[in-house]
Amino acid sequence: MAYFLYVAVTTVRLLIDILQLALCIHAIVSWLPLDDDNVFVVLLEGICAPVLYPARLLVEKSETLSSLPVDISFIITYIGLMLIGTFLPDIRI
C-alpha cells in the first residue's frame, strides 16, 4: 500500500512540475511573434488552456482583477499548483 501511495504522489508531483514548466514556456512563447498554426504553439495551448481556464473565469468575474492591464490567471494558476505540491505528503519507501 505504501508503494502505491508513493507512486501516486510522485506521479502527481511530476505532473505539477510538467504543468508549471509548460505554463512558463507558454508565457514566454506568447511574447514571440509566432503563428497560431505553429505546432508547438498549438501543443502548448492544448496543455495550458484547460489548466488556465478556471483562473480566467475567476479573473473575469472579479471587477478589480479584470480591470488590470495584465492577465494574472497565469500567476493564480502557478501559485495554485505550487500550493497543491506543497500540501502533498512526503512519502519515503
PDB file of N, CA and C in Angstrom:
ATOM      1  N   MET A   1       0.821  -1.200   0.000  1.00  0.00           N
ATOM      2  CA  MET A   1       0.000   0.000   0.000  1.00  0.00           C
ATOM      3  C   MET A   1       0.863   1.261   0.000  1.00  0.00           C
ATOM      4  N   ALA A   2       1.942   1.241   0.774  1.00  0.00           N
ATOM      5  CA  ALA A   2       2.819   2.411   0.843  1.00  0.00           C
ATOM      6  C   ALA A   2       3.474   2.664  -0.503  1.00  0.00           C
ATOM      7  N   TYR A   3       3.804   1.595  -1.227  1.00  0.00           N
ATOM      8  CA  TYR A   3       4.436   1.750  -2.536  1.00  0.00           C
ATOM      9  C   TYR A   3       3.474   2.408  -3.518  1.00  0.00           C
ATOM     10  N   PHE A   4       2.203   1.989  -3.501  1.00  0.00           N
ATOM     11  CA  PHE A   4       1.198   2.591  -4.387  1.00  0.00           C
ATOM     12  C   PHE A   4       1.032   4.074  -4.084  1.00  0.00           C
ATOM     13  N   LEU A   5       0.978   4.416  -2.814  1.00  0.00           N
ATOM     14  CA  LEU A   5       0.840   5.819  -2.424  1.00  0.00           C
ATOM     15  C   LEU A   5       2.066   6.624  -2.844  1.00  0.00           C
ATOM     16  N   TYR A   6       3.250   6.037  -2.701  1.00  0.00           N
ATOM     17  CA  TYR A   6       4.486   6.692  -3.134  1.00  0.00           C
ATOM     18  C   TYR A   6       4.455   6.968  -4.637  1.00  0.00           C
ATOM     19  N   VAL A   7       4.040   5.976  -5.421  1.00  0.00           N
ATOM     20  CA  VAL A   7       3.977   6.139  -6.877  1.00  0.00           C
ATOM     21  C   VAL A   7       2.939   7.202  -7.245  1.00  0.00           C
ATOM     22  N   ALA A   8       1.804   7.193  -6.580  1.00  0.00           N
ATOM     23  CA  ALA A   8       0.749   8.167  -6.887  1.00  0.00           C
ATOM     24  C   ALA A   8       1.205   9.593  -6.578  1.00  0.00           C
ATOM     25  N   VAL A   9       1.799   9.803  -5.411  1.00  0.00           N
ATOM     26  CA  VAL A   9       2.251  11.141  -5.028  1.00  0.00           C
ATOM     27  C   VAL A   9       3.386  11.599  -5.937  1.00  0.00           C
ATOM     28  N   THR A  10       4.305  10.710  -6.262  1.00  0.00           N
ATOM     29  CA  THR A  10       5.411  11.056  -7.155  1.00  0.00           C
ATOM     30  C   THR A  10       4.896  11.406  -8.545  1.00  0.00           C
ATOM     31  N   THR A  11       3.894  10.708  -9.027  1.00  0.00           N
ATOM     32  CA  THR A  11       3.306  10.994 -10.336  1.00  0.00           C
ATOM     33  C   THR A  11       2.622  12.354 -10.339  1.00  0.00           C
ATOM     34  N   VAL A  12       1.886  12.655  -9.279  1.00  0.00           N
ATOM     35  CA  VAL A  12       1.214  13.957  -9.188  1.00  0.00           C
ATOM     36  C   VAL A  12       2.245  15.084  -9.129  1.00  0.00           C
ATOM     37  N   ARG A  13       3.314  14.882  -8.358  1.00  0.00           N
ATOM     38  CA  ARG A  13       4.376  15.894  -8.295  1.00  0.00           C
ATOM     39  C   ARG A  13       5.015  16.111  -9.662  1.00  0.00           C
ATOM     40  N   LEU A  14       5.252  15.036 -10.392  1.00  0.00           N
ATOM     41  CA  LEU A  14       5.833  15.134 -11.731  1.00  0.00           C
ATOM     42  C   LEU A  14       4.901  15.878 -12.676  1.00  0.00           C
ATOM     43  N   LEU A  15       3.617  15.576 -12.625  1.00  0.00           N
ATOM     44  CA  LEU A  15       2.643  16.275 -13.471  1.00  0.00           C
ATOM     45  C   LEU A  15       2.578  17.766 -13.131  1.00  0.00           C
ATOM     46  N   ILE A  16       2.644  18.089 -11.852  1.00  0.00           N
ATOM     47  CA  ILE A  16       2.644  19.500 -11.442  1.00  0.00           C
ATOM     48  C   ILE A  16       3.882  20.201 -11.988  1.00  0.00           C
ATOM     49  N   ASP A  17       5.040  19.552 -11.887  1.00  0.00           N
ATOM     50  CA  ASP A  17       6.267  20.147 -12.413  1.00  0.00           C
ATOM     51  C   ASP A  17       6.194  20.356 -13.916  1.00  0.00           C
ATOM     52  N   ILE A  18       5.638  19.376 -14.630  1.00  0.00           N
ATOM     53  CA  ILE A  18       5.496  19.498 -16.079  1.00  0.00           C
ATOM     54  C   ILE A  18       4.537  20.629 -16.435  1.00  0.00           C
ATOM     55  N   LEU A  19       3.429  20.744 -15.707  1.00  0.00           N
ATOM     56  CA  LEU A  19       2.473  21.824 -15.957  1.00  0.00           C
ATOM     57  C   LEU A  19       3.086  23.187 -15.671  1.00  0.00           C
ATOM     58  N   GLN A  20       3.858  23.301 -14.610  1.00  0.00           N
ATOM     59  CA  GLN A  20       4.498  24.576 -14.302  1.00  0.00           C
ATOM     60  C   GLN A  20       5.504  24.954 -15.387  1.00  0.00           C
ATOM     61  N   LEU A  21       6.264  23.986 -15.866  1.00  0.00           N
ATOM     62  CA  LEU A  21       7.208  24.251 -16.941  1.00  0.00           C
ATOM     63  C   LEU A  21       6.469  24.656 -18.215  1.00  0.00           C
ATOM     64  N   ALA A  22       5.384  23.947 -18.538  1.00  0.00           N
ATOM     65  CA  ALA A  22       4.602  24.282 -19.728  1.00  0.00           C
ATOM     66  C   ALA A  22       3.997  25.679 -19.615  1.00  0.00           C
ATOM     67  N   LEU A  23       3.540  26.056 -18.427  1.00  0.00           N
ATOM     68  CA  LEU A  23       2.982  27.395 -18.236  1.00  0.00           C
ATOM     69  C   LEU A  23       4.045  28.472 -18.444  1.00  0.00           C
ATOM     70  N   CYS A  24       5.248  28.241 -17.937  1.00  0.00           N
ATOM     71  CA  CYS A  24       6.327  29.220 -18.118  1.00  0.00           C
ATOM     72  C   CYS A  24       6.711  29.349 -19.593  1.00  0.00           C
ATOM     73  N   ILE A  25       6.810  28.224 -20.278  1.00  0.00           N
ATOM     74  CA  ILE A  25       7.135  28.263 -21.705  1.00  0.00           C
ATOM     75  C   ILE A  25       6.013  28.941 -22.478  1.00  0.00           C
ATOM     76  N   HIS A  26       4.777  28.661 -22.109  1.00  0.00           N
ATOM     77  CA  HIS A  26       3.618  29.276 -22.768  1.00  0.00           C
ATOM     78  C   HIS A  26       3.646  30.793 -22.598  1.00  0.00           C
ATOM     79  N   ALA A  27       4.010  31.255 -21.403  1.00  0.00           N
ATOM     80  CA  ALA A  27       4.085  32.699 -21.157  1.00  0.00           C
ATOM     81  C   ALA A  27       5.171  33.341 -22.016  1.00  0.00           C
ATOM     82  N   ILE A  28       6.316  32.692 -22.120  1.00  0.00           N
ATOM     83  CA  ILE A  28       7.407  33.236 -22.934  1.00  0.00           C
ATOM     84  C   ILE A  28       7.047  33.211 -24.406  1.00  0.00           C
ATOM     85  N   VAL A  29       6.465  32.117 -24.869  1.00  0.00           N
ATOM     86  CA  VAL A  29       6.099  31.997 -26.288  1.00  0.00           C
ATOM     87  C   VAL A  29       5.017  33.001 -26.664  1.00  0.00           C
ATOM     88  N   SER A  30       4.173  33.380 -25.704  1.00  0.00           N
ATOM     89  CA  SER A  30       3.112  34.343 -26.021  1.00  0.00           C
ATOM     90  C   SER A  30       3.680  35.717 -26.358  1.00  0.00           C
ATOM     91  N   TRP A  31       4.905  35.995 -25.968  1.00  0.00           N
ATOM     92  CA  TRP A  31       5.539  37.269 -26.291  1.00  0.00           C
ATOM     93  C   TRP A  31       6.196  37.246 -27.674  1.00  0.00           C
ATOM     94  N   LEU A  32       6.393  36.064 -28.227  1.00  0.00           N
ATOM     95  CA  LEU A  32       7.078  35.932 -29.515  1.00  0.00           C
ATOM     96  C   LEU A  32       6.088  36.033 -30.669  1.00  0.00           C
ATOM     97  N   PRO A  33       6.540  36.563 -31.799  1.00  0.00           N
ATOM     98  CA  PRO A  33       5.633  36.679 -32.955  1.00  0.00           C
ATOM     99  C   PRO A  33       5.546  35.362 -33.741  1.00  0.00           C
ATOM    100  N   LEU A  34       4.865  34.380 -33.167  1.00  0.00           N
ATOM    101  CA  LEU A  34       4.690  33.097 -33.837  1.00  0.00           C
ATOM    102  C   LEU A  34       3.260  32.965 -34.342  1.00  0.00           C
ATOM    103  N   ASP A  35       3.088  32.191 -35.403  1.00  0.00           N
ATOM    104  CA  ASP A  35       1.760  31.946 -35.955  1.00  0.00           C
ATOM    105  C   ASP A  35       0.950  31.069 -35.011  1.00  0.00           C
ATOM    106  N   ASP A  36      -0.356  31.248 -35.041  1.00  0.00           N
ATOM    107  CA  ASP A  36      -1.231  30.396 -34.236  1.00  0.00           C
ATOM    108  C   ASP A  36      -1.320  28.983 -34.801  1.00  0.00           C
ATOM    109  N   ASP A  37      -0.856  28.785 -36.031  1.00  0.00           N
ATOM    110  CA  ASP A  37      -0.868  27.465 -36.657  1.00  0.00           C
ATOM    111  C   ASP A  37       0.392  26.667 -36.356  1.00  0.00           C
ATOM    112  N   ASN A  38       1.344  27.275 -35.666  1.00  0.00           N
ATOM    113  CA  ASN A  38       2.584  26.598 -35.317  1.00  0.00           C
ATOM    114  C   ASN A  38       2.266  25.395 -34.425  1.00  0.00           C
ATOM    115  N   VAL A  39       2.853  24.249 -34.727  1.00  0.00           N
ATOM    116  CA  VAL A  39       2.560  23.016 -33.999  1.00  0.00           C
ATOM    117  C   VAL A  39       2.930  23.146 -32.521  1.00  0.00           C
ATOM    118  N   PHE A  40       4.056  23.787 -32.244  1.00  0.00           N
ATOM    119  CA  PHE A  40       4.498  23.964 -30.868  1.00  0.00           C
ATOM    120  C   PHE A  40       3.526  24.849 -30.086  1.00  0.00           C
ATOM    121  N   VAL A  41       3.054  25.905 -30.710  1.00  0.00           N
ATOM    122  CA  VAL A  41       2.098  26.808 -30.060  1.00  0.00           C
ATOM    123  C   VAL A  41       0.774  26.093 -29.809  1.00  0.00           C
ATOM    124  N   VAL A  42       0.328  25.304 -30.777  1.00  0.00           N
ATOM    125  CA  VAL A  42      -0.927  24.557 -30.623  1.00  0.00           C
ATOM    126  C   VAL A  42      -0.802  23.536 -29.492  1.00  0.00           C
ATOM    127  N   LEU A  43       0.353  22.863 -29.410  1.00  0.00           N
ATOM    128  CA  LEU A  43       0.574  21.888 -28.348  1.00  0.00           C
ATOM    129  C   LEU A  43       0.570  22.562 -26.972  1.00  0.00           C
ATOM    130  N   LEU A  44       1.276  23.671 -26.856  1.00  0.00           N
ATOM    131  CA  LEU A  44       1.304  24.399 -25.580  1.00  0.00           C
ATOM    132  C   LEU A  44      -0.079  24.899 -25.188  1.00  0.00           C
ATOM    133  N   GLU A  45      -0.811  25.408 -26.149  1.00  0.00           N
ATOM    134  CA  GLU A  45      -2.164  25.901 -25.869  1.00  0.00           C
ATOM    135  C   GLU A  45      -3.067  24.755 -25.421  1.00  0.00           C
ATOM    136  N   GLY A  46      -2.900  23.597 -26.035  1.00  0.00           N
ATOM    137  CA  GLY A  46      -3.693  22.428 -25.652  1.00  0.00           C
ATOM    138  C   GLY A  46      -3.398  21.954 -24.241  1.00  0.00           C
ATOM    139  N   ILE A  47      -2.153  22.110 -23.810  1.00  0.00           N
ATOM    140  CA  ILE A  47      -1.770  21.711 -22.454  1.00  0.00           C
ATOM    141  C   ILE A  47      -2.190  22.758 -21.434  1.00  0.00           C
ATOM    142  N   CYS A  48      -1.969  24.032 -21.759  1.00  0.00           N
ATOM    143  CA  CYS A  48      -2.139  25.098 -20.772  1.00  0.00           C
ATOM    144  C   CYS A  48      -3.570  25.637 -20.668  1.00  0.00           C
ATOM    145  N   ALA A  49      -4.320  25.635 -21.750  1.00  0.00           N
ATOM    146  CA  ALA A  49      -5.655  26.232 -21.737  1.00  0.00           C
ATOM    147  C   ALA A  49      -6.590  25.587 -20.705  1.00  0.00           C
ATOM    148  N   PRO A  50      -6.656  24.249 -20.613  1.00  0.00           N
ATOM    149  CA  PRO A  50      -7.548  23.674 -19.601  1.00  0.00           C
ATOM    150  C   PRO A  50      -7.131  23.992 -18.166  1.00  0.00           C
ATOM    151  N   VAL A  51      -5.837  24.169 -17.947  1.00  0.00           N
ATOM    152  CA  VAL A  51      -5.347  24.468 -16.605  1.00  0.00           C
ATOM    153  C   VAL A  51      -5.607  25.931 -16.258  1.00  0.00           C
ATOM    154  N   LEU A  52      -5.490  26.817 -17.241  1.00  0.00           N
ATOM    155  CA  LEU A  52      -5.689  28.247 -17.020  1.00  0.00           C
ATOM    156  C   LEU A  52      -7.170  28.644 -16.991  1.00  0.00           C
ATOM    157  N   TYR A  53      -8.040  27.824 -17.543  1.00  0.00           N
ATOM    158  CA  TYR A  53      -9.456  28.172 -17.693  1.00  0.00           C
ATOM    159  C   TYR A  53     -10.144  28.551 -16.373  1.00  0.00           C
ATOM    160  N   PRO A  54     -10.005  27.756 -15.289  1.00  0.00           N
ATOM    161  CA  PRO A  54     -10.678  28.153 -14.033  1.00  0.00           C
ATOM    162  C   PRO A  54     -10.195  29.506 -13.510  1.00  0.00           C
ATOM    163  N   ALA A  55      -8.908  29.774 -13.604  1.00  0.00           N
ATOM    164  CA  ALA A  55      -8.381  31.054 -13.132  1.00  0.00           C
ATOM    165  C   ALA A  55      -8.882  32.192 -14.009  1.00  0.00           C
ATOM    166  N   ARG A  56      -8.998  31.968 -15.306  1.00  0.00           N
ATOM    167  CA  ARG A  56      -9.516  33.014 -16.194  1.00  0.00           C
ATOM    168  C   ARG A  56     -10.971  33.326 -15.884  1.00  0.00           C
ATOM    169  N   LEU A  57     -11.748  32.298 -15.552  1.00  0.00           N
ATOM    170  CA  LEU A  57     -13.140  32.543 -15.147  1.00  0.00           C
ATOM    171  C   LEU A  57     -13.187  33.375 -13.871  1.00  0.00           C
ATOM    172  N   LEU A  58     -12.325  33.062 -12.925  1.00  0.00           N
ATOM    173  CA  LEU A  58     -12.260  33.811 -11.676  1.00  0.00           C
ATOM    174  C   LEU A  58     -11.876  35.262 -11.935  1.00  0.00           C
ATOM    175  N   VAL A  59     -10.920  35.499 -12.802  1.00  0.00           N
ATOM    176  CA  VAL A  59     -10.477  36.857 -13.121  1.00  0.00           C
ATOM    177  C   VAL A  59     -11.594  37.627 -13.830  1.00  0.00           C
ATOM    178  N   GLU A  60     -12.299  36.963 -14.748  1.00  0.00           N
ATOM    179  CA  GLU A  60     -13.389  37.634 -15.480  1.00  0.00           C
ATOM    180  C   GLU A  60     -14.534  38.029 -14.558  1.00  0.00           C
ATOM    181  N   LYS A  61     -14.803  37.228 -13.534  1.00  0.00           N
ATOM    182  CA  LYS A  61     -15.901  37.528 -12.614  1.00  0.00           C
ATOM    183  C   LYS A  61     -15.569  38.658 -11.646  1.00  0.00           C
ATOM    184  N   SER A  62     -14.309  38.889 -11.410  1.00  0.00           N
ATOM    185  CA  SER A  62     -13.887  39.934 -10.488  1.00  0.00           C
ATOM    186  C   SER A  62     -13.662  41.237 -11.248  1.00  0.00           C
ATOM    187  N   GLU A  63     -14.356  42.280 -10.821  1.00  0.00           N
ATOM    188  CA  GLU A  63     -14.218  43.573 -11.481  1.00  0.00           C
ATOM    189  C   GLU A  63     -12.811  44.141 -11.306  1.00  0.00           C
ATOM    190  N   THR A  64     -12.260  43.985 -10.128  1.00  0.00           N
ATOM    191  CA  THR A  64     -10.930  44.515  -9.841  1.00  0.00           C
ATOM    192  C   THR A  64      -9.856  43.796 -10.650  1.00  0.00           C
ATOM    193  N   LEU A  65      -9.920  42.468 -10.677  1.00  0.00           N
ATOM    194  CA  LEU A  65      -8.899  41.692 -11.382  1.00  0.00           C
ATOM    195  C   LEU A  65      -9.007  41.839 -12.893  1.00  0.00           C
ATOM    196  N   SER A  66     -10.222  41.939 -13.402  1.00  0.00           N
ATOM    197  CA  SER A  66     -10.385  42.038 -14.858  1.00  0.00           C
ATOM    198  C   SER A  66      -9.975  43.405 -15.386  1.00  0.00           C
ATOM    199  N   SER A  67      -9.907  44.408 -14.519  1.00  0.00           N
ATOM    200  CA  SER A  67      -9.512  45.739 -14.970  1.00  0.00           C
ATOM    201  C   SER A  67      -7.992  45.916 -15.006  1.00  0.00           C
ATOM    202  N   LEU A  68      -7.249  44.938 -14.508  1.00  0.00           N
ATOM    203  CA  LEU A  68      -5.789  45.027 -14.541  1.00  0.00           C
ATOM    204  C   LEU A  68      -5.280  44.914 -15.987  1.00  0.00           C
ATOM    205  N   PRO A  69      -4.186  45.596 -16.310  1.00  0.00           N
ATOM    206  CA  PRO A  69      -3.676  45.550 -17.685  1.00  0.00           C
ATOM    207  C   PRO A  69      -2.944  44.251 -18.016  1.00  0.00           C
ATOM    208  N   VAL A  70      -2.730  43.391 -17.014  1.00  0.00           N
ATOM    209  CA  VAL A  70      -2.004  42.144 -17.212  1.00  0.00           C
ATOM    210  C   VAL A  70      -2.932  40.981 -16.885  1.00  0.00           C
ATOM    211  N   ASP A  71      -2.826  39.899 -17.658  1.00  0.00           N
ATOM    212  CA  ASP A  71      -3.602  38.693 -17.384  1.00  0.00           C
ATOM    213  C   ASP A  71      -2.932  37.945 -16.234  1.00  0.00           C
ATOM    214  N   ILE A  72      -3.566  37.968 -15.060  1.00  0.00           N
ATOM    215  CA  ILE A  72      -2.949  37.343 -13.895  1.00  0.00           C
ATOM    216  C   ILE A  72      -3.413  35.910 -13.683  1.00  0.00           C
ATOM    217  N   SER A  73      -4.158  35.355 -14.633  1.00  0.00           N
ATOM    218  CA  SER A  73      -4.594  33.968 -14.489  1.00  0.00           C
ATOM    219  C   SER A  73      -3.401  33.026 -14.444  1.00  0.00           C
ATOM    220  N   PHE A  74      -2.320  33.382 -15.143  1.00  0.00           N
ATOM    221  CA  PHE A  74      -1.099  32.575 -15.084  1.00  0.00           C
ATOM    222  C   PHE A  74      -0.554  32.533 -13.659  1.00  0.00           C
ATOM    223  N   ILE A  75      -0.489  33.681 -13.014  1.00  0.00           N
ATOM    224  CA  ILE A  75       0.065  33.763 -11.658  1.00  0.00           C
ATOM    225  C   ILE A  75      -0.812  32.981 -10.676  1.00  0.00           C
ATOM    226  N   ILE A  76      -2.120  33.133 -10.803  1.00  0.00           N
ATOM    227  CA  ILE A  76      -3.045  32.415  -9.920  1.00  0.00           C
ATOM    228  C   ILE A  76      -2.879  30.910 -10.098  1.00  0.00           C
ATOM    229  N   THR A  77      -2.797  30.459 -11.346  1.00  0.00           N
ATOM    230  CA  THR A  77      -2.662  29.032 -11.623  1.00  0.00           C
ATOM    231  C   THR A  77      -1.324  28.500 -11.121  1.00  0.00           C
ATOM    232  N   TYR A  78      -0.262  29.237 -11.364  1.00  0.00           N
ATOM    233  CA  TYR A  78       1.067  28.801 -10.946  1.00  0.00           C
ATOM    234  C   TYR A  78       1.143  28.680  -9.423  1.00  0.00           C
ATOM    235  N   ILE A  79       0.619  29.662  -8.721  1.00  0.00           N
ATOM    236  CA  ILE A  79       0.618  29.610  -7.252  1.00  0.00           C
ATOM    237  C   ILE A  79      -0.270  28.470  -6.764  1.00  0.00           C
ATOM    238  N   GLY A  80      -1.395  28.257  -7.424  1.00  0.00           N
ATOM    239  CA  GLY A  80      -2.264  27.136  -7.057  1.00  0.00           C
ATOM    240  C   GLY A  80      -1.564  25.796  -7.212  1.00  0.00           C
ATOM    241  N   LEU A  81      -0.828  25.624  -8.300  1.00  0.00           N
ATOM    242  CA  LEU A  81      -0.078  24.379  -8.491  1.00  0.00           C
ATOM    243  C   LEU A  81       1.017  24.232  -7.430  1.00  0.00           C
ATOM    244  N   MET A  82       1.662  25.354  -7.086  1.00  0.00           N
ATOM    245  CA  MET A  82       2.676  25.300  -6.026  1.00  0.00           C
ATOM    246  C   MET A  82       2.051  24.875  -4.696  1.00  0.00           C
ATOM    247  N   LEU A  83       0.883  25.402  -4.383  1.00  0.00           N
ATOM    248  CA  LEU A  83       0.214  25.044  -3.124  1.00  0.00           C
ATOM    249  C   LEU A  83      -0.182  23.568  -3.107  1.00  0.00           C
ATOM    250  N   ILE A  84      -0.685  23.076  -4.231  1.00  0.00           N
ATOM    251  CA  ILE A  84      -1.040  21.655  -4.296  1.00  0.00           C
ATOM    252  C   ILE A  84       0.192  20.798  -4.060  1.00  0.00           C
ATOM    253  N   GLY A  85       1.306  21.159  -4.687  1.00  0.00           N
ATOM    254  CA  GLY A  85       2.545  20.415  -4.492  1.00  0.00           C
ATOM    255  C   GLY A  85       3.048  20.486  -3.059  1.00  0.00           C
ATOM    256  N   THR A  86       2.830  21.617  -2.411  1.00  0.00           N
ATOM    257  CA  THR A  86       3.270  21.786  -1.027  1.00  0.00           C
ATOM    258  C   THR A  86       2.478  20.911  -0.072  1.00  0.00           C
ATOM    259  N   PHE A  87       1.193  20.760  -0.317  1.00  0.00           N
ATOM    260  CA  PHE A  87       0.351  20.006   0.591  1.00  0.00           C
ATOM    261  C   PHE A  87       0.369  18.501   0.344  1.00  0.00           C
ATOM    262  N   LEU A  88       1.055  18.043  -0.694  1.00  0.00           N
ATOM    263  CA  LEU A  88       1.178  16.610  -0.919  1.00  0.00           C
ATOM    264  C   LEU A  88       2.060  16.018   0.186  1.00  0.00           C
ATOM    265  N   PRO A  89       1.714  14.837   0.648  1.00  0.00           N
ATOM    266  CA  PRO A  89       2.512  14.244   1.734  1.00  0.00           C
ATOM    267  C   PRO A  89       3.905  13.839   1.240  1.00  0.00           C
ATOM    268  N   ASP A  90       4.858  13.879   2.143  1.00  0.00           N
ATOM    269  CA  ASP A  90       6.219  13.450   1.831  1.00  0.00           C
ATOM    270  C   ASP A  90       6.346  11.982   2.212  1.00  0.00           C
ATOM    271  N   ILE A  91       6.352  11.122   1.209  1.00  0.00           N
ATOM    272  CA  ILE A  91       6.359   9.676   1.438  1.00  0.00           C
ATOM    273  C   ILE A  91       7.696   9.120   0.996  1.00  0.00           C
ATOM    274  N   ARG A  92       8.297   8.332   1.864  1.00  0.00           N
ATOM    275  CA  ARG A  92       9.570   7.680   1.541  1.00  0.00           C
ATOM    276  C   ARG A  92       9.402   6.168   1.739  1.00  0.00           C
ATOM    277  N   ILE A  93      10.045   5.456   0.861  1.00  0.00           N
ATOM    278  CA  ILE A  93       9.968   3.978   0.965  1.00  0.00           C
ATOM    279  C   ILE A  93      11.268   3.458   1.530  1.00  0.00           C
TER     280      ILE A  93
END
